[in-house]
Amino acid sequence: MSGKSLKAQARGLGIAPGSRHAIVQKLVIDGVLDRPRSSAELVLLIQETFGQKWRTIHVQTYMKKFLLAGIIRAVKTPHGQHNFWVLASVPKEDALKTIGKTQKIMDIEENLFSRELTKRLAKDFGRELEELHDNFGKNGNCSAFLLRKILEKLIIVAVSKNGGEHLLRDSGRPGGWKGLKDMIDIAAREKISGIPILIPKTANEIKGLKFLGDTAAHNPLVGVDMATIIPQMPYVITAYKELAERL
């Protein structure tokens, strides 16, 4: 059953308004459990959102109705002792992969793959985003390469749509493009209505991604892991957002 159908099923359950079951019902319908959540995470979320103080045992108790209805599943890691709760439409294997990611990576993903940014990039970058989503947090080399590729393509599309494609062309290689460093500088220099296509400070910070992408693609002796990518991500996301505004 699809996630949409399960949420509709949850909406149709006979639940008393204002009850603790109603809180779990709202969490399901609002998409909070589209990814695995620990009981402790839900307790904090419920306190912040509904102003109620729950204990983790309460989550177990009031989740049971949704477990029995087949709307929610409980997932444990192989060596873990605590349940994670997720919509039953999410395969266990996918849930375990998500649980294995650090919270920091998950927070970054929420921004990187946010609905707003994904919508802006979907037309020209659908395949790249899909591949990045599959690799981010798991495969450092692939992530670094794809992040670099998306940045380069974003600059080409954004600058070209605003009449500057000729600036990016390499006169020494007919049909070729200039290097990414030059592209970044051009995007920071060219302005639309007095505002740079890429803010100079962002352009300066984003050059770290170029290095990681080049390493992943061209250095056979050194690999890139996620620990080196994570510090670059705030600048990457900012650059993507700035360039996406020009598409």
C-alpha atoms as a PDB file:
ATOM      1  CA  MET A   1       0.000   0.000   0.000  1.00  0.00           C
ATOM      2  CA  SER A   2       1.314   3.465  -0.870  1.00  0.00           C
ATOM      3  CA  GLY A   3       2.210   6.100   1.692  1.00  0.00           C
ATOM      4  CA  LYS A   4      -0.719   8.236   0.499  1.00  0.00           C
ATOM      5  CA  SER A   5      -3.150   5.353   1.040  1.00  0.00           C
ATOM      6  CA  LEU A   6      -1.764   4.630   4.505  1.00  0.00           C
ATOM      7  CA  LYS A   7      -2.220   8.269   5.514  1.00  0.00           C
ATOM      8  CA  ALA A   8      -5.795   8.151   4.252  1.00  0.00           C
ATOM      9  CA  GLN A   9      -6.306   4.999   6.305  1.00  0.00           C
ATOM     10  CA  ALA A  10      -4.901   6.737   9.381  1.00  0.00           C
ATOM     11  CA  ARG A  11      -7.236   9.673   8.792  1.00  0.00           C
ATOM     12  CA  GLY A  12     -10.199   7.296   8.754  1.00  0.00           C
ATOM     13  CA  LEU A  13      -9.419   5.590  12.049  1.00  0.00           C
ATOM     14  CA  GLY A  14     -11.980   6.134  14.796  1.00  0.00           C
ATOM     15  CA  ILE A  15      -9.871   8.268  17.134  1.00  0.00           C
ATOM     16  CA  ALA A  16     -11.105  10.659  19.805  1.00  0.00           C
ATOM     17  CA  PRO A  17     -10.107  14.284  19.131  1.00  0.00           C
ATOM     18  CA  GLY A  18      -7.557  15.632  21.593  1.00  0.00           C
ATOM     19  CA  SER A  19      -6.393  12.159  22.641  1.00  0.00           C
ATOM     20  CA  ARG A  20      -2.835  10.872  22.523  1.00  0.00           C
ATOM     21  CA  HIS A  21      -3.837   8.612  19.662  1.00  0.00           C
ATOM     22  CA  ALA A  22      -4.914  11.778  17.817  1.00  0.00           C
ATOM     23  CA  ILE A  23      -1.385  13.166  18.194  1.00  0.00           C
ATOM     24  CA  VAL A  24       0.133  10.064  16.620  1.00  0.00           C
ATOM     25  CA  GLN A  25      -2.515  10.238  13.897  1.00  0.00           C
ATOM     26  CA  LYS A  26      -1.496  13.813  13.065  1.00  0.00           C
ATOM     27  CA  LEU A  27       2.183  12.856  12.982  1.00  0.00           C
ATOM     28  CA  VAL A  28       1.361  10.173  10.422  1.00  0.00           C
ATOM     29  CA  ILE A  29      -0.848  12.402   8.265  1.00  0.00           C
ATOM     30  CA  ASP A  30       1.632  15.302   8.338  1.00  0.00           C
ATOM     31  CA  GLY A  31       4.446  13.096   7.024  1.00  0.00           C
ATOM     32  CA  VAL A  32       6.574  13.107  10.180  1.00  0.00           C
ATOM     33  CA  LEU A  33       6.877   9.313   9.953  1.00  0.00           C
ATOM     34  CA  ASP A  34       7.772   9.245   6.268  1.00  0.00           C
ATOM     35  CA  ARG A  35      11.269   8.516   7.562  1.00  0.00           C
ATOM     36  CA  PRO A  36      12.266   6.530  10.663  1.00  0.00           C
ATOM     37  CA  ARG A  37      11.982   8.350  13.997  1.00  0.00           C
ATOM     38  CA  SER A  38      13.132   7.139  17.385  1.00  0.00           C
ATOM     39  CA  SER A  39      10.814   7.264  20.389  1.00  0.00           C
ATOM     40  CA  ALA A  40      13.091   9.885  21.974  1.00  0.00           C
ATOM     41  CA  GLU A  41      12.924  12.032  18.841  1.00  0.00           C
ATOM     42  CA  LEU A  42       9.125  11.811  18.816  1.00  0.00           C
ATOM     43  CA  VAL A  43       8.898  12.709  22.508  1.00  0.00           C
ATOM     44  CA  LEU A  44      10.856  15.908  21.839  1.00  0.00           C
ATOM     45  CA  LEU A  45       8.825  16.690  18.731  1.00  0.00           C
ATOM     46  CA  ILE A  46       5.530  16.196  20.570  1.00  0.00           C
ATOM     47  CA  GLN A  47       6.634  18.510  23.358  1.00  0.00           C
ATOM     48  CA  GLU A  48       7.737  21.202  20.917  1.00  0.00           C
ATOM     49  CA  THR A  49       4.693  20.870  18.658  1.00  0.00           C
ATOM     50  CA  PHE A  50       1.843  20.004  21.007  1.00  0.00           C
ATOM     51  CA  GLY A  51       3.176  21.183  24.362  1.00  0.00           C
ATOM     52  CA  GLN A  52       2.687  17.746  25.926  1.00  0.00           C
ATOM     53  CA  LYS A  53       5.279  15.884  27.962  1.00  0.00           C
ATOM     54  CA  TRP A  54       5.419  12.250  26.922  1.00  0.00           C
ATOM     55  CA  ARG A  55       7.756   9.477  27.980  1.00  0.00           C
ATOM     56  CA  THR A  56       9.191   7.079  25.432  1.00  0.00           C
ATOM     57  CA  ILE A  57       6.950   4.316  26.817  1.00  0.00           C
ATOM     58  CA  HIS A  58       3.943   6.414  25.783  1.00  0.00           C
ATOM     59  CA  VAL A  59       5.124   6.340  22.170  1.00  0.00           C
ATOM     60  CA  GLN A  60       5.218   2.535  22.313  1.00  0.00           C
ATOM     61  CA  THR A  61       1.741   2.422  23.850  1.00  0.00           C
ATOM     62  CA  TYR A  62      -0.057   4.785  21.485  1.00  0.00           C
ATOM     63  CA  MET A  63       1.758   3.581  18.386  1.00  0.00           C
ATOM     64  CA  LYS A  64       0.298   0.083  18.860  1.00  0.00           C
ATOM     65  CA  LYS A  65      -3.048   0.984  17.261  1.00  0.00           C
ATOM     66  CA  PHE A  66      -1.250   2.059  14.091  1.00  0.00           C
ATOM     67  CA  LEU A  67       0.994  -1.011  14.142  1.00  0.00           C
ATOM     68  CA  LEU A  68      -1.996  -3.344  14.321  1.00  0.00           C
ATOM     69  CA  ALA A  69      -3.675  -1.448  11.481  1.00  0.00           C
ATOM     70  CA  GLY A  70      -0.579  -1.942   9.300  1.00  0.00           C
ATOM     71  CA  ILE A  71      -0.032   1.794   8.960  1.00  0.00           C
ATOM     72  CA  ILE A  72       3.252   1.996  10.881  1.00  0.00           C
ATOM     73  CA  ARG A  73       6.119  -0.457  11.238  1.00  0.00           C
ATOM     74  CA  ALA A  74       8.696  -0.748  14.025  1.00  0.00           C
ATOM     75  CA  VAL A  75      12.317  -1.150  12.935  1.00  0.00           C
ATOM     76  CA  LYS A  76      15.371  -2.045  14.994  1.00  0.00           C
ATOM     77  CA  THR A  77      18.979  -1.955  13.863  1.00  0.00           C
ATOM     78  CA  PRO A  78      20.831  -5.314  14.133  1.00  0.00           C
ATOM     79  CA  HIS A  79      22.606  -4.327  17.344  1.00  0.00           C
ATOM     80  CA  GLY A  80      20.159  -1.746  18.643  1.00  0.00           C
ATOM     81  CA  GLN A  81      17.710  -2.031  21.506  1.00  0.00           C
ATOM     82  CA  HIS A  82      15.305   0.760  20.611  1.00  0.00           C
ATOM     83  CA  ASN A  83      12.514   0.932  18.061  1.00  0.00           C
ATOM     84  CA  PHE A  84      12.345   3.380  15.216  1.00  0.00           C
ATOM     85  CA  TRP A  85       8.894   4.140  13.819  1.00  0.00           C
ATOM     86  CA  VAL A  86       8.179   4.630  10.131  1.00  0.00           C
ATOM     87  CA  LEU A  87       5.315   4.452   7.640  1.00  0.00           C
ATOM     88  CA  ALA A  88       4.711   0.802   6.656  1.00  0.00           C
ATOM     89  CA  SER A  89       5.141   1.635   2.952  1.00  0.00           C
ATOM     90  CA  VAL A  90       8.862   2.280   3.575  1.00  0.00           C
ATOM     91  CA  PRO A  91      10.793  -0.978   2.975  1.00  0.00           C
ATOM     92  CA  LYS A  92      12.711  -2.190   6.004  1.00  0.00           C
ATOM     93  CA  GLU A  93      15.989  -2.121   4.079  1.00  0.00           C
ATOM     94  CA  ASP A  94      15.485   1.540   3.185  1.00  0.00           C
ATOM     95  CA  ALA A  95      14.523   2.357   6.766  1.00  0.00           C
ATOM     96  CA  LEU A  96      17.695   0.731   8.089  1.00  0.00           C
ATOM     97  CA  LYS A  97      19.829   2.709   5.643  1.00  0.00           C
ATOM     98  CA  THR A  98      18.224   5.923   6.828  1.00  0.00           C
ATOM     99  CA  ILE A  99      18.667   5.029  10.495  1.00  0.00           C
ATOM    100  CA  GLY A 100      22.345   4.407   9.846  1.00  0.00           C
ATOM    101  CA  LYS A 101      22.938   7.956   8.669  1.00  0.00           C
ATOM    102  CA  THR A 102      24.032  10.587  11.137  1.00  0.00           C
ATOM    103  CA  GLN A 103      21.491  13.206  12.153  1.00  0.00           C
ATOM    104  CA  LYS A 104      23.724  15.854  10.620  1.00  0.00           C
ATOM    105  CA  ILE A 105      23.576  14.195   7.230  1.00  0.00           C
ATOM    106  CA  MET A 106      19.806  13.858   7.516  1.00  0.00           C
ATOM    107  CA  ASP A 107      19.489  17.563   8.365  1.00  0.00           C
ATOM    108  CA  ILE A 108      21.602  18.455   5.332  1.00  0.00           C
ATOM    109  CA  GLU A 109      19.490  16.207   3.113  1.00  0.00           C
ATOM    110  CA  GLU A 110      16.327  17.976   4.244  1.00  0.00           C
ATOM    111  CA  ASN A 111      17.778  21.234   2.852  1.00  0.00           C
ATOM    112  CA  LEU A 112      19.528  19.737  -0.165  1.00  0.00           C
ATOM    113  CA  PHE A 113      16.465  17.818  -1.276  1.00  0.00           C
ATOM    114  CA  SER A 114      13.878  20.271   0.018  1.00  0.00           C
ATOM    115  CA  ARG A 115      10.643  20.467  -1.950  1.00  0.00           C
ATOM    116  CA  GLU A 116      11.317  24.049  -3.043  1.00  0.00           C
ATOM    117  CA  LEU A 117      14.843  23.470  -4.353  1.00  0.00           C
ATOM    118  CA  THR A 118      13.964  20.119  -5.923  1.00  0.00           C
ATOM    119  CA  LYS A 119      11.037  21.722  -7.748  1.00  0.00           C
ATOM    120  CA  ARG A 120      13.290  24.423  -9.190  1.00  0.00           C
ATOM    121  CA  LEU A 121      15.894  21.899 -10.343  1.00  0.00           C
ATOM    122  CA  ALA A 122      13.602  19.055 -11.437  1.00  0.00           C
ATOM    123  CA  LYS A 123      13.363  20.012 -15.119  1.00  0.00           C
ATOM    124  CA  ASP A 124      17.088  20.176 -15.886  1.00  0.00           C
ATOM    125  CA  PHE A 125      18.578  18.131 -13.041  1.00  0.00           C
ATOM    126  CA  GLY A 126      16.127  15.307 -12.323  1.00  0.00           C
ATOM    127  CA  ARG A 127      18.530  12.473 -13.082  1.00  0.00           C
ATOM    128  CA  GLU A 128      21.467  14.037 -11.234  1.00  0.00           C
ATOM    129  CA  LEU A 129      19.340  14.679  -8.141  1.00  0.00           C
ATOM    130  CA  GLU A 130      18.064  11.101  -8.171  1.00  0.00           C
ATOM    131  CA  GLU A 131      21.612   9.729  -8.363  1.00  0.00           C
ATOM    132  CA  LEU A 132      22.806  12.124  -5.669  1.00  0.00           C
ATOM    133  CA  HIS A 133      19.931  11.122  -3.398  1.00  0.00           C
ATOM    134  CA  ASP A 134      20.916   7.454  -3.808  1.00  0.00           C
ATOM    135  CA  ASN A 135      24.576   8.122  -2.959  1.00  0.00           C
ATOM    136  CA  PHE A 136      24.616  11.008  -0.499  1.00  0.00           C
ATOM    137  CA  GLY A 137      25.668   9.903   2.965  1.00  0.00           C
ATOM    138  CA  LYS A 138      26.875   6.531   1.705  1.00  0.00           C
ATOM    139  CA  ASN A 139      29.377   6.972  -1.143  1.00  0.00           C
ATOM    140  CA  GLY A 140      31.764   9.885  -0.732  1.00  0.00           C
ATOM    141  CA  ASN A 141      33.415   9.716  -4.145  1.00  0.00           C
ATOM    142  CA  CYS A 142      30.104   9.527  -5.981  1.00  0.00           C
ATOM    143  CA  SER A 143      28.612  12.304  -3.842  1.00  0.00           C
ATOM    144  CA  ALA A 144      31.564  14.649  -4.433  1.00  0.00           C
ATOM    145  CA  PHE A 145      31.539  14.007  -8.173  1.00  0.00           C
ATOM    146  CA  LEU A 146      27.776  14.532  -8.498  1.00  0.00           C
ATOM    147  CA  LEU A 147      27.775  17.672  -6.338  1.00  0.00           C
ATOM    148  CA  ARG A 148      30.501  19.133  -8.554  1.00  0.00           C
ATOM    149  CA  LYS A 149      28.701  18.118 -11.743  1.00  0.00           C
ATOM    150  CA  ILE A 150      25.436  19.698 -10.609  1.00  0.00           C
ATOM    151  CA  LEU A 151      27.259  22.926  -9.679  1.00  0.00           C
ATOM    152  CA  GLU A 152      28.985  23.103 -13.067  1.00  0.00           C
ATOM    153  CA  LYS A 153      25.767  22.396 -14.968  1.00  0.00           C
ATOM    154  CA  LEU A 154      23.854  24.903 -12.820  1.00  0.00           C
ATOM    155  CA  ILE A 155      26.327  27.641 -13.707  1.00  0.00           C
ATOM    156  CA  ILE A 156      26.145  26.795 -17.418  1.00  0.00           C
ATOM    157  CA  VAL A 157      22.331  26.787 -17.470  1.00  0.00           C
ATOM    158  CA  ALA A 158      21.931  29.873 -15.256  1.00  0.00           C
ATOM    159  CA  VAL A 159      24.523  32.002 -17.068  1.00  0.00           C
ATOM    160  CA  SER A 160      23.349  30.843 -20.515  1.00  0.00           C
ATOM    161  CA  LYS A 161      19.688  31.606 -19.775  1.00  0.00           C
ATOM    162  CA  ASN A 162      20.755  35.134 -18.952  1.00  0.00           C
ATOM    163  CA  GLY A 163      22.669  35.668 -22.185  1.00  0.00           C
ATOM    164  CA  GLY A 164      26.184  34.796 -21.056  1.00  0.00           C
ATOM    165  CA  GLU A 165      26.847  31.397 -22.638  1.00  0.00           C
ATOM    166  CA  HIS A 166      29.631  32.857 -24.800  1.00  0.00           C
ATOM    167  CA  LEU A 167      31.507  33.842 -21.637  1.00  0.00           C
ATOM    168  CA  LEU A 168      31.716  30.203 -20.551  1.00  0.00           C
ATOM    169  CA  ARG A 169      32.928  28.818 -23.871  1.00  0.00           C
ATOM    170  CA  ASP A 170      36.610  27.886 -24.202  1.00  0.00           C
ATOM    171  CA  SER A 171      37.933  29.680 -27.287  1.00  0.00           C
ATOM    172  CA  GLY A 172      40.850  27.252 -27.423  1.00  0.00           C
ATOM    173  CA  ARG A 173      38.532  24.236 -27.644  1.00  0.00           C
ATOM    174  CA  PRO A 174      35.655  24.733 -30.082  1.00  0.00           C
ATOM    175  CA  GLY A 175      32.497  23.360 -28.479  1.00  0.00           C
ATOM    176  CA  GLY A 176      34.182  23.051 -25.086  1.00  0.00           C
ATOM    177  CA  TRP A 177      33.658  24.833 -21.785  1.00  0.00           C
ATOM    178  CA  LYS A 178      36.050  26.680 -19.542  1.00  0.00           C
ATOM    179  CA  GLY A 179      37.160  25.053 -16.297  1.00  0.00           C
ATOM    180  CA  LEU A 180      34.916  25.181 -13.246  1.00  0.00           C
ATOM    181  CA  LYS A 181      37.152  27.707 -11.459  1.00  0.00           C
ATOM    182  CA  ASP A 182      36.720  30.170 -14.322  1.00  0.00           C
ATOM    183  CA  MET A 183      32.993  29.435 -14.471  1.00  0.00           C
ATOM    184  CA  ILE A 184      32.604  30.242 -10.775  1.00  0.00           C
ATOM    185  CA  ASP A 185      34.471  33.522 -11.236  1.00  0.00           C
ATOM    186  CA  ILE A 186      32.305  34.442 -14.231  1.00  0.00           C
ATOM    187  CA  ALA A 187      29.087  33.665 -12.342  1.00  0.00           C
ATOM    188  CA  ALA A 188      30.280  35.869  -9.479  1.00  0.00           C
ATOM    189  CA  ARG A 189      31.211  38.695 -11.844  1.00  0.00           C
ATOM    190  CA  GLU A 190      28.146  38.730 -14.101  1.00  0.00           C
ATOM    191  CA  LYS A 191      25.144  40.609 -12.740  1.00  0.00           C
ATOM    192  CA  ILE A 192      21.427  40.675 -13.385  1.00  0.00           C
ATOM    193  CA  SER A 193      19.666  43.856 -12.264  1.00  0.00           C
ATOM    194  CA  GLY A 194      22.831  44.741 -10.377  1.00  0.00           C
ATOM    195  CA  ILE A 195      22.981  41.445  -8.438  1.00  0.00           C
ATOM    196  CA  PRO A 196      25.675  38.816  -9.197  1.00  0.00           C
ATOM    197  CA  ILE A 197      24.418  35.484 -10.519  1.00  0.00           C
ATOM    198  CA  LEU A 198      26.498  33.915  -7.746  1.00  0.00           C
ATOM    199  CA  ILE A 199      27.294  36.065  -4.700  1.00  0.00           C
ATOM    200  CA  PRO A 200      31.117  36.541  -4.523  1.00  0.00           C
ATOM    201  CA  LYS A 201      31.374  35.237  -0.944  1.00  0.00           C
ATOM    202  CA  THR A 202      29.487  32.083  -1.948  1.00  0.00           C
ATOM    203  CA  ALA A 203      31.679  31.754  -5.035  1.00  0.00           C
ATOM    204  CA  ASN A 204      34.807  31.892  -2.901  1.00  0.00           C
ATOM    205  CA  GLU A 205      33.567  29.276  -0.437  1.00  0.00           C
ATOM    206  CA  ILE A 206      32.285  26.894  -3.110  1.00  0.00           C
ATOM    207  CA  LYS A 207      35.758  26.303  -4.515  1.00  0.00           C
ATOM    208  CA  GLY A 208      36.279  23.650  -1.849  1.00  0.00           C
ATOM    209  CA  LEU A 209      33.666  21.545  -3.601  1.00  0.00           C
ATOM    210  CA  LYS A 210      35.582  21.861  -6.863  1.00  0.00           C
ATOM    211  CA  PHE A 211      38.654  20.402  -5.164  1.00  0.00           C
ATOM    212  CA  LEU A 212      36.701  17.452  -3.736  1.00  0.00           C
ATOM    213  CA  GLY A 213      34.966  16.784  -7.045  1.00  0.00           C
ATOM    214  CA  ASP A 214      38.280  16.906  -8.912  1.00  0.00           C
ATOM    215  CA  THR A 215      39.810  14.536  -6.371  1.00  0.00           C
ATOM    216  CA  ALA A 216      36.963  12.061  -6.737  1.00  0.00           C
ATOM    217  CA  ALA A 217      37.149  12.153 -10.530  1.00  0.00           C
ATOM    218  CA  HIS A 218      40.875  12.406 -11.218  1.00  0.00           C
ATOM    219  CA  ASN A 219      42.990  11.275  -8.261  1.00  0.00           C
ATOM    220  CA  PRO A 220      43.378   7.465  -8.347  1.00  0.00           C
ATOM    221  CA  LEU A 221      45.339   7.405  -5.081  1.00  0.00           C
ATOM    222  CA  VAL A 222      42.994   9.363  -2.813  1.00  0.00           C
ATOM    223  CA  GLY A 223      39.295   8.903  -2.110  1.00  0.00           C
ATOM    224  CA  VAL A 224      36.748  11.371  -0.762  1.00  0.00           C
ATOM    225  CA  ASP A 225      34.663  10.429   2.262  1.00  0.00           C
ATOM    226  CA  MET A 226      31.537  12.059   3.634  1.00  0.00           C
ATOM    227  CA  ALA A 227      33.416  13.547   6.587  1.00  0.00           C
ATOM    228  CA  THR A 228      35.241  15.893   4.203  1.00  0.00           C
ATOM    229  CA  ILE A 229      32.098  16.726   2.230  1.00  0.00           C
ATOM    230  CA  ILE A 230      29.827  17.649   5.154  1.00  0.00           C
ATOM    231  CA  PRO A 231      31.639  20.938   6.082  1.00  0.00           C
ATOM    232  CA  GLN A 232      31.222  22.116   2.477  1.00  0.00           C
ATOM    233  CA  MET A 233      27.481  21.473   2.302  1.00  0.00           C
ATOM    234  CA  PRO A 234      26.140  24.786   3.697  1.00  0.00           C
ATOM    235  CA  TYR A 235      28.033  26.591   0.914  1.00  0.00           C
ATOM    236  CA  VAL A 236      26.939  24.030  -1.690  1.00  0.00           C
ATOM    237  CA  ILE A 237      23.269  24.400  -0.777  1.00  0.00           C
ATOM    238  CA  THR A 238      23.556  28.197  -0.755  1.00  0.00           C
ATOM    239  CA  ALA A 239      25.182  28.175  -4.200  1.00  0.00           C
ATOM    240  CA  TYR A 240      22.516  25.853  -5.585  1.00  0.00           C
ATOM    241  CA  LYS A 241      19.765  28.101  -4.252  1.00  0.00           C
ATOM    242  CA  GLU A 242      21.364  31.275  -5.635  1.00  0.00           C
ATOM    243  CA  LEU A 243      21.851  29.732  -9.077  1.00  0.00           C
ATOM    244  CA  ALA A 244      18.400  28.121  -9.084  1.00  0.00           C
ATOM    245  CA  GLU A 245      16.898  31.593  -8.759  1.00  0.00           C
ATOM    246  CA  ARG A 246      18.339  32.333 -12.216  1.00  0.00           C
ATOM    247  CA  LEU A 247      16.843  29.317 -13.979  1.00  0.00           C
END
